[in-house]
Amino acid sequence: MDWRENRIESAKNGTNPMVLAEMKSGYAVIGDTQFLPGYCVLLPKREVSSLNDLTIPERAQFLTDMSLIGDAIINVCHPVRVNYDILGNTDAFLHAHVFPRYDWEKEERRKMPVWLYDSSNWFDEEKHFSIEKHGKLKEELTKYLSAIYENK
């Protein structure tokens, strides 16, 4: 099975190469596209349809972990701000998108959701994650996230 067919299971079994760190509620992964460098996703440890399918303590932990990914992005990438999205419209399972936003983005773009960027950004091979281009970024995000749990 290709790891993309079930990103949660592949994160659990160690075959998802995008995993940055295991968190209390799930897995922090670097995004497939990096047109906004540092884009990450939080995958839950168990597959559910929405945030509301989790217990209240599980929801709180998922949202906390989402914000910790934001902390890592802020520390490593130094964006102007971080946007958090939980949608589930295309991939119908709970996952959270964590997007850095930068001052080099056109102002009219920066004020809008990232989903309004041209769709080519999601599919353009030049913008896809690669170890050659983004390996150091992945390493730094992993280091930051790993340190969070070591220091608790």
N, C-alpha and C. Protein backbone atom coordinates (compact mmCIF):
# COMPACT_ATOMS: atom_id res chain seq x y z
N MET A 1 0.84 -1.19 0.00
CA MET A 1 0.00 0.00 0.00
C MET A 1 0.88 1.25 0.00
N ASP A 2 0.56 2.20 -0.85
CA ASP A 2 1.25 3.48 -0.86
C ASP A 2 0.82 4.26 0.38
N TRP A 3 1.76 4.90 1.04
CA TRP A 3 1.47 5.61 2.28
C TRP A 3 0.39 6.67 2.12
N ARG A 4 0.23 7.21 0.91
CA ARG A 4 -0.78 8.26 0.68
C ARG A 4 -2.21 7.73 0.74
N GLU A 5 -2.37 6.41 0.55
CA GLU A 5 -3.71 5.82 0.56
C GLU A 5 -4.35 5.88 1.95
N ASN A 6 -3.54 5.82 2.98
CA ASN A 6 -4.05 5.98 4.35
C ASN A 6 -2.95 6.64 5.17
N ARG A 7 -3.00 7.94 5.21
CA ARG A 7 -1.95 8.72 5.85
C ARG A 7 -1.86 8.47 7.36
N ILE A 8 -3.00 8.21 7.99
CA ILE A 8 -2.99 7.96 9.44
C ILE A 8 -2.34 6.61 9.73
N GLU A 9 -2.78 5.57 9.05
CA GLU A 9 -2.20 4.24 9.27
C GLU A 9 -0.71 4.22 8.94
N SER A 10 -0.33 4.91 7.85
CA SER A 10 1.09 4.93 7.49
C SER A 10 1.91 5.72 8.51
N ALA A 11 1.31 6.72 9.15
CA ALA A 11 2.01 7.43 10.22
C ALA A 11 2.19 6.49 11.41
N LYS A 12 1.15 5.73 11.73
CA LYS A 12 1.22 4.79 12.85
C LYS A 12 2.27 3.71 12.63
N ASN A 13 2.32 3.18 11.39
CA ASN A 13 3.24 2.05 11.15
C ASN A 13 4.62 2.48 10.68
N GLY A 14 4.86 3.79 10.64
CA GLY A 14 6.20 4.29 10.34
C GLY A 14 6.56 4.37 8.86
N THR A 15 5.56 4.26 7.98
CA THR A 15 5.86 4.32 6.54
C THR A 15 5.52 5.67 5.90
N ASN A 16 5.00 6.61 6.68
CA ASN A 16 4.67 7.94 6.16
C ASN A 16 5.91 8.82 6.29
N PRO A 17 6.58 9.14 5.18
CA PRO A 17 7.82 9.91 5.24
C PRO A 17 7.64 11.37 5.60
N MET A 18 6.40 11.83 5.69
CA MET A 18 6.13 13.24 5.98
C MET A 18 6.01 13.51 7.48
N VAL A 19 6.02 12.46 8.30
CA VAL A 19 5.85 12.63 9.74
C VAL A 19 7.01 13.44 10.32
N LEU A 20 6.65 14.45 11.08
CA LEU A 20 7.62 15.26 11.82
C LEU A 20 7.78 14.73 13.23
N ALA A 21 6.63 14.45 13.87
CA ALA A 21 6.66 14.02 15.27
C ALA A 21 5.33 13.39 15.64
N GLU A 22 5.40 12.44 16.56
CA GLU A 22 4.18 11.92 17.16
C GLU A 22 3.83 12.85 18.31
N MET A 23 2.57 13.25 18.34
CA MET A 23 2.09 14.13 19.39
C MET A 23 1.09 13.36 20.24
N LYS A 24 0.59 13.96 21.29
CA LYS A 24 -0.34 13.23 22.16
C LYS A 24 -1.61 12.82 21.43
N SER A 25 -2.11 13.68 20.56
CA SER A 25 -3.38 13.40 19.87
C SER A 25 -3.21 12.82 18.47
N GLY A 26 -2.00 12.88 17.93
CA GLY A 26 -1.84 12.45 16.55
C GLY A 26 -0.42 12.61 16.05
N TYR A 27 -0.33 12.90 14.76
CA TYR A 27 0.98 13.00 14.09
C TYR A 27 1.08 14.33 13.36
N ALA A 28 2.14 15.06 13.64
CA ALA A 28 2.44 16.27 12.90
C ALA A 28 3.16 15.84 11.63
N VAL A 29 2.68 16.30 10.48
CA VAL A 29 3.32 15.98 9.20
C VAL A 29 3.55 17.26 8.42
N ILE A 30 4.61 17.25 7.65
CA ILE A 30 4.87 18.40 6.78
C ILE A 30 3.95 18.26 5.57
N GLY A 31 3.48 19.38 5.06
CA GLY A 31 2.53 19.36 3.95
C GLY A 31 3.14 18.89 2.65
N ASP A 32 2.31 18.27 1.82
CA ASP A 32 2.75 17.80 0.50
C ASP A 32 3.26 18.95 -0.36
N THR A 33 2.61 20.09 -0.23
CA THR A 33 3.04 21.28 -0.96
C THR A 33 3.71 22.23 0.02
N GLN A 34 4.66 22.98 -0.48
CA GLN A 34 5.37 23.93 0.38
C GLN A 34 5.42 25.31 -0.28
N PHE A 35 4.33 25.69 -0.98
CA PHE A 35 4.32 27.03 -1.57
C PHE A 35 4.29 28.09 -0.48
N LEU A 36 3.84 27.72 0.70
CA LEU A 36 4.00 28.53 1.91
C LEU A 36 4.89 27.69 2.83
N PRO A 37 6.19 27.94 2.81
CA PRO A 37 7.14 27.08 3.51
C PRO A 37 6.82 26.90 5.00
N GLY A 38 6.74 25.63 5.39
CA GLY A 38 6.41 25.30 6.77
C GLY A 38 5.00 24.78 6.93
N TYR A 39 4.21 24.78 5.86
CA TYR A 39 2.85 24.25 5.93
C TYR A 39 2.87 22.83 6.49
N CYS A 40 2.02 22.60 7.49
CA CYS A 40 1.95 21.29 8.16
C CYS A 40 0.49 20.86 8.31
N VAL A 41 0.33 19.59 8.65
CA VAL A 41 -0.99 19.02 8.90
C VAL A 41 -0.89 18.19 10.18
N LEU A 42 -1.95 18.21 10.98
CA LEU A 42 -2.05 17.34 12.14
C LEU A 42 -3.05 16.24 11.80
N LEU A 43 -2.57 15.00 11.84
CA LEU A 43 -3.42 13.83 11.64
C LEU A 43 -3.75 13.23 13.00
N PRO A 44 -5.00 12.81 13.22
CA PRO A 44 -5.34 12.21 14.52
C PRO A 44 -4.81 10.78 14.63
N LYS A 45 -4.72 10.29 15.85
CA LYS A 45 -4.26 8.91 16.05
C LYS A 45 -5.32 7.89 15.66
N ARG A 46 -6.56 8.29 15.72
CA ARG A 46 -7.61 7.39 15.24
C ARG A 46 -8.47 8.15 14.24
N GLU A 47 -8.86 7.44 13.20
CA GLU A 47 -9.61 8.08 12.13
C GLU A 47 -11.05 8.31 12.55
N VAL A 48 -11.46 9.57 12.53
CA VAL A 48 -12.84 9.97 12.79
C VAL A 48 -13.23 10.99 11.72
N SER A 49 -14.52 11.21 11.58
CA SER A 49 -15.00 12.12 10.53
C SER A 49 -14.78 13.59 10.86
N SER A 50 -14.93 13.92 12.15
CA SER A 50 -14.82 15.34 12.50
C SER A 50 -14.34 15.50 13.93
N LEU A 51 -14.00 16.71 14.26
CA LEU A 51 -13.57 17.05 15.62
C LEU A 51 -14.65 16.63 16.63
N ASN A 52 -15.90 16.75 16.24
CA ASN A 52 -17.01 16.46 17.14
C ASN A 52 -17.16 14.97 17.44
N ASP A 53 -16.47 14.13 16.70
CA ASP A 53 -16.48 12.69 16.99
C ASP A 53 -15.52 12.31 18.10
N LEU A 54 -14.70 13.24 18.54
CA LEU A 54 -13.77 12.99 19.63
C LEU A 54 -14.44 13.35 20.96
N THR A 55 -13.94 12.77 22.04
CA THR A 55 -14.41 13.16 23.37
C THR A 55 -13.92 14.58 23.64
N ILE A 56 -14.49 15.22 24.63
CA ILE A 56 -14.07 16.59 24.96
C ILE A 56 -12.57 16.65 25.29
N PRO A 57 -12.03 15.74 26.12
CA PRO A 57 -10.58 15.79 26.37
C PRO A 57 -9.75 15.53 25.10
N GLU A 58 -10.22 14.64 24.22
CA GLU A 58 -9.50 14.39 22.96
C GLU A 58 -9.52 15.63 22.07
N ARG A 59 -10.65 16.32 22.03
CA ARG A 59 -10.74 17.56 21.24
C ARG A 59 -9.75 18.59 21.77
N ALA A 60 -9.73 18.75 23.08
CA ALA A 60 -8.84 19.74 23.70
C ALA A 60 -7.39 19.41 23.36
N GLN A 61 -7.02 18.14 23.42
CA GLN A 61 -5.64 17.76 23.11
C GLN A 61 -5.33 17.98 21.64
N PHE A 62 -6.27 17.65 20.75
CA PHE A 62 -6.06 17.84 19.31
C PHE A 62 -5.83 19.31 19.01
N LEU A 63 -6.66 20.17 19.57
CA LEU A 63 -6.53 21.61 19.32
C LEU A 63 -5.25 22.16 19.95
N THR A 64 -4.87 21.64 21.11
CA THR A 64 -3.60 22.05 21.72
C THR A 64 -2.43 21.64 20.84
N ASP A 65 -2.46 20.39 20.35
CA ASP A 65 -1.38 19.93 19.48
C ASP A 65 -1.32 20.74 18.19
N MET A 66 -2.48 21.11 17.66
CA MET A 66 -2.52 21.95 16.47
C MET A 66 -1.79 23.27 16.75
N SER A 67 -2.04 23.85 17.92
CA SER A 67 -1.40 25.13 18.25
C SER A 67 0.10 24.95 18.49
N LEU A 68 0.51 23.78 18.99
CA LEU A 68 1.95 23.52 19.18
C LEU A 68 2.67 23.42 17.84
N ILE A 69 1.99 22.88 16.84
CA ILE A 69 2.56 22.87 15.48
C ILE A 69 2.72 24.32 15.02
N GLY A 70 1.73 25.14 15.33
CA GLY A 70 1.85 26.57 15.01
C GLY A 70 3.05 27.20 15.70
N ASP A 71 3.29 26.84 16.96
CA ASP A 71 4.47 27.34 17.67
C ASP A 71 5.76 26.95 16.95
N ALA A 72 5.81 25.70 16.49
CA ALA A 72 7.00 25.23 15.77
C ALA A 72 7.21 26.04 14.50
N ILE A 73 6.13 26.27 13.76
CA ILE A 73 6.22 27.05 12.51
C ILE A 73 6.68 28.47 12.81
N ILE A 74 6.12 29.08 13.85
CA ILE A 74 6.52 30.44 14.22
C ILE A 74 8.00 30.48 14.58
N ASN A 75 8.46 29.52 15.36
CA ASN A 75 9.85 29.48 15.80
C ASN A 75 10.82 29.23 14.65
N VAL A 76 10.46 28.35 13.73
CA VAL A 76 11.37 27.94 12.65
C VAL A 76 11.27 28.84 11.42
N CYS A 77 10.04 29.24 11.06
CA CYS A 77 9.81 29.93 9.78
C CYS A 77 9.61 31.44 9.91
N HIS A 78 9.28 31.93 11.09
CA HIS A 78 9.09 33.36 11.35
C HIS A 78 8.05 34.01 10.43
N PRO A 79 6.85 33.41 10.33
CA PRO A 79 5.81 34.04 9.52
C PRO A 79 5.21 35.25 10.24
N VAL A 80 4.40 36.01 9.51
CA VAL A 80 3.66 37.13 10.09
C VAL A 80 2.60 36.59 11.05
N ARG A 81 1.97 35.48 10.67
CA ARG A 81 0.95 34.83 11.50
C ARG A 81 0.79 33.40 11.00
N VAL A 82 -0.05 32.66 11.72
CA VAL A 82 -0.34 31.28 11.35
C VAL A 82 -1.85 31.14 11.23
N ASN A 83 -2.31 30.47 10.18
CA ASN A 83 -3.73 30.17 9.98
C ASN A 83 -3.98 28.70 10.28
N TYR A 84 -5.10 28.43 10.93
CA TYR A 84 -5.48 27.07 11.30
C TYR A 84 -6.81 26.74 10.61
N ASP A 85 -6.87 25.58 9.95
CA ASP A 85 -8.09 25.16 9.25
C ASP A 85 -8.40 23.70 9.53
N ILE A 86 -9.64 23.44 9.89
CA ILE A 86 -10.15 22.07 9.97
C ILE A 86 -11.37 22.04 9.05
N LEU A 87 -11.24 21.36 7.93
CA LEU A 87 -12.31 21.38 6.94
C LEU A 87 -12.93 19.99 6.72
N GLY A 88 -12.17 19.08 6.14
CA GLY A 88 -12.69 17.74 5.88
C GLY A 88 -13.58 17.65 4.66
N ASN A 89 -13.53 18.63 3.78
CA ASN A 89 -14.40 18.62 2.61
C ASN A 89 -13.89 17.72 1.49
N THR A 90 -12.60 17.67 1.30
CA THR A 90 -12.02 16.83 0.25
C THR A 90 -11.64 15.47 0.82
N ASP A 91 -10.87 15.47 1.89
CA ASP A 91 -10.52 14.24 2.59
C ASP A 91 -11.44 14.17 3.81
N ALA A 92 -12.38 13.26 3.77
CA ALA A 92 -13.47 13.23 4.77
C ALA A 92 -13.06 12.54 6.06
N PHE A 93 -11.96 12.98 6.63
CA PHE A 93 -11.55 12.53 7.96
C PHE A 93 -10.93 13.73 8.66
N LEU A 94 -10.96 13.70 9.99
CA LEU A 94 -10.41 14.81 10.76
C LEU A 94 -8.93 14.99 10.46
N HIS A 95 -8.55 16.19 10.15
CA HIS A 95 -7.16 16.61 10.04
C HIS A 95 -7.15 18.13 10.07
N ALA A 96 -6.08 18.69 10.57
CA ALA A 96 -5.98 20.15 10.70
C ALA A 96 -4.83 20.67 9.87
N HIS A 97 -5.10 21.70 9.08
CA HIS A 97 -4.08 22.37 8.28
C HIS A 97 -3.51 23.53 9.09
N VAL A 98 -2.20 23.68 9.08
CA VAL A 98 -1.55 24.77 9.80
C VAL A 98 -0.66 25.49 8.79
N PHE A 99 -1.09 26.69 8.41
CA PHE A 99 -0.43 27.45 7.35
C PHE A 99 0.29 28.68 7.87
N PRO A 100 1.58 28.81 7.59
CA PRO A 100 2.25 30.08 7.88
C PRO A 100 1.82 31.11 6.83
N ARG A 101 1.75 32.35 7.24
CA ARG A 101 1.46 33.44 6.30
C ARG A 101 2.61 34.43 6.40
N TYR A 102 3.06 34.92 5.25
CA TYR A 102 4.29 35.69 5.17
C TYR A 102 4.08 37.10 4.63
N ASP A 103 4.98 37.99 5.02
CA ASP A 103 4.88 39.37 4.54
C ASP A 103 5.24 39.47 3.06
N TRP A 104 5.87 38.46 2.47
CA TRP A 104 6.18 38.49 1.04
C TRP A 104 4.99 38.09 0.17
N GLU A 105 3.90 37.60 0.79
CA GLU A 105 2.69 37.32 0.02
C GLU A 105 2.05 38.65 -0.37
N LYS A 106 1.41 38.69 -1.52
CA LYS A 106 0.67 39.88 -1.89
C LYS A 106 -0.39 40.14 -0.82
N GLU A 107 -0.55 41.41 -0.46
CA GLU A 107 -1.45 41.74 0.65
C GLU A 107 -2.86 41.20 0.44
N GLU A 108 -3.38 41.30 -0.79
CA GLU A 108 -4.74 40.80 -1.03
C GLU A 108 -4.83 39.28 -0.86
N ARG A 109 -3.72 38.57 -1.06
CA ARG A 109 -3.68 37.12 -0.83
C ARG A 109 -3.57 36.81 0.66
N ARG A 110 -2.72 37.56 1.34
CA ARG A 110 -2.45 37.32 2.76
C ARG A 110 -3.72 37.51 3.60
N LYS A 111 -4.63 38.34 3.14
CA LYS A 111 -5.86 38.61 3.88
C LYS A 111 -6.93 37.55 3.63
N MET A 112 -6.69 36.67 2.67
CA MET A 112 -7.69 35.67 2.27
C MET A 112 -7.24 34.27 2.67
N PRO A 113 -8.17 33.32 2.71
CA PRO A 113 -7.78 31.93 2.99
C PRO A 113 -6.83 31.41 1.92
N VAL A 114 -5.92 30.53 2.31
CA VAL A 114 -4.94 29.99 1.36
C VAL A 114 -5.63 29.22 0.24
N TRP A 115 -6.82 28.74 0.49
CA TRP A 115 -7.54 27.94 -0.52
C TRP A 115 -7.90 28.78 -1.74
N LEU A 116 -7.80 30.10 -1.62
CA LEU A 116 -8.10 30.96 -2.76
C LEU A 116 -6.89 31.19 -3.66
N TYR A 117 -5.72 30.68 -3.26
CA TYR A 117 -4.57 30.70 -4.17
C TYR A 117 -4.90 29.83 -5.38
N ASP A 118 -4.24 30.10 -6.48
CA ASP A 118 -4.41 29.30 -7.69
C ASP A 118 -4.19 27.82 -7.36
N SER A 119 -5.05 26.97 -7.87
CA SER A 119 -4.97 25.53 -7.56
C SER A 119 -3.66 24.89 -8.02
N SER A 120 -2.95 25.53 -8.93
CA SER A 120 -1.67 24.97 -9.38
C SER A 120 -0.68 24.85 -8.22
N ASN A 121 -0.83 25.68 -7.20
CA ASN A 121 0.06 25.61 -6.04
C ASN A 121 -0.03 24.27 -5.33
N TRP A 122 -1.15 23.60 -5.44
CA TRP A 122 -1.35 22.32 -4.76
C TRP A 122 -0.78 21.15 -5.57
N PHE A 123 -0.60 21.36 -6.86
CA PHE A 123 -0.22 20.25 -7.73
C PHE A 123 1.10 20.45 -8.46
N ASP A 124 1.63 21.65 -8.45
CA ASP A 124 2.87 21.96 -9.14
C ASP A 124 4.04 21.23 -8.50
N GLU A 125 4.72 20.40 -9.27
CA GLU A 125 5.86 19.62 -8.75
C GLU A 125 6.94 20.52 -8.15
N GLU A 126 7.11 21.70 -8.68
CA GLU A 126 8.11 22.64 -8.16
C GLU A 126 7.83 23.04 -6.72
N LYS A 127 6.57 22.98 -6.33
CA LYS A 127 6.18 23.41 -4.99
C LYS A 127 5.97 22.24 -4.04
N HIS A 128 6.06 21.01 -4.56
CA HIS A 128 5.90 19.84 -3.71
C HIS A 128 7.08 19.70 -2.76
N PHE A 129 6.80 19.11 -1.60
CA PHE A 129 7.86 18.82 -0.65
C PHE A 129 8.89 17.90 -1.29
N SER A 130 10.16 18.23 -1.06
CA SER A 130 11.25 17.33 -1.44
C SER A 130 12.33 17.46 -0.39
N ILE A 131 13.00 16.35 -0.12
CA ILE A 131 14.09 16.36 0.87
C ILE A 131 15.17 17.35 0.44
N GLU A 132 15.46 17.38 -0.86
CA GLU A 132 16.50 18.28 -1.36
C GLU A 132 16.20 19.73 -1.04
N LYS A 133 14.96 20.15 -1.27
CA LYS A 133 14.58 21.55 -1.06
C LYS A 133 14.16 21.85 0.37
N HIS A 134 13.50 20.90 1.01
CA HIS A 134 12.85 21.18 2.30
C HIS A 134 13.33 20.31 3.45
N GLY A 135 14.37 19.52 3.23
CA GLY A 135 14.86 18.62 4.27
C GLY A 135 15.28 19.33 5.53
N LYS A 136 15.98 20.45 5.39
CA LYS A 136 16.43 21.21 6.57
C LYS A 136 15.23 21.77 7.33
N LEU A 137 14.25 22.27 6.61
CA LEU A 137 13.03 22.78 7.23
C LEU A 137 12.33 21.67 8.01
N LYS A 138 12.20 20.50 7.40
CA LYS A 138 11.57 19.35 8.07
C LYS A 138 12.35 18.98 9.33
N GLU A 139 13.66 18.98 9.22
CA GLU A 139 14.52 18.64 10.36
C GLU A 139 14.33 19.64 11.51
N GLU A 140 14.26 20.93 11.19
CA GLU A 140 14.11 21.96 12.23
C GLU A 140 12.73 21.89 12.89
N LEU A 141 11.68 21.64 12.11
CA LEU A 141 10.35 21.50 12.68
C LEU A 141 10.29 20.27 13.59
N THR A 142 10.89 19.18 13.13
CA THR A 142 10.94 17.95 13.93
C THR A 142 11.66 18.19 15.25
N LYS A 143 12.77 18.88 15.18
CA LYS A 143 13.56 19.16 16.39
C LYS A 143 12.74 19.98 17.39
N TYR A 144 12.05 21.00 16.90
CA TYR A 144 11.25 21.84 17.78
C TYR A 144 10.13 21.03 18.42
N LEU A 145 9.40 20.27 17.61
CA LEU A 145 8.27 19.50 18.13
C LEU A 145 8.74 18.40 19.10
N SER A 146 9.84 17.78 18.80
CA SER A 146 10.38 16.74 19.70
C SER A 146 10.77 17.33 21.04
N ALA A 147 11.31 18.53 21.03
CA ALA A 147 11.74 19.19 22.27
C ALA A 147 10.55 19.54 23.17
N ILE A 148 9.39 19.78 22.59
CA ILE A 148 8.20 20.13 23.38
C ILE A 148 7.90 19.01 24.37
N TYR A 149 7.92 17.78 23.90
CA TYR A 149 7.58 16.66 24.78
C TYR A 149 8.73 16.23 25.66
N GLU A 150 9.95 16.51 25.25
CA GLU A 150 11.11 16.20 26.10
C GLU A 150 11.15 17.13 27.30
N ASN A 151 10.65 18.35 27.14
CA ASN A 151 10.71 19.35 28.21
C ASN A 151 9.50 19.31 29.15
N LYS A 152 8.59 18.38 28.95
CA LYS A 152 7.40 18.33 29.82
C LYS A 152 7.58 17.33 30.92
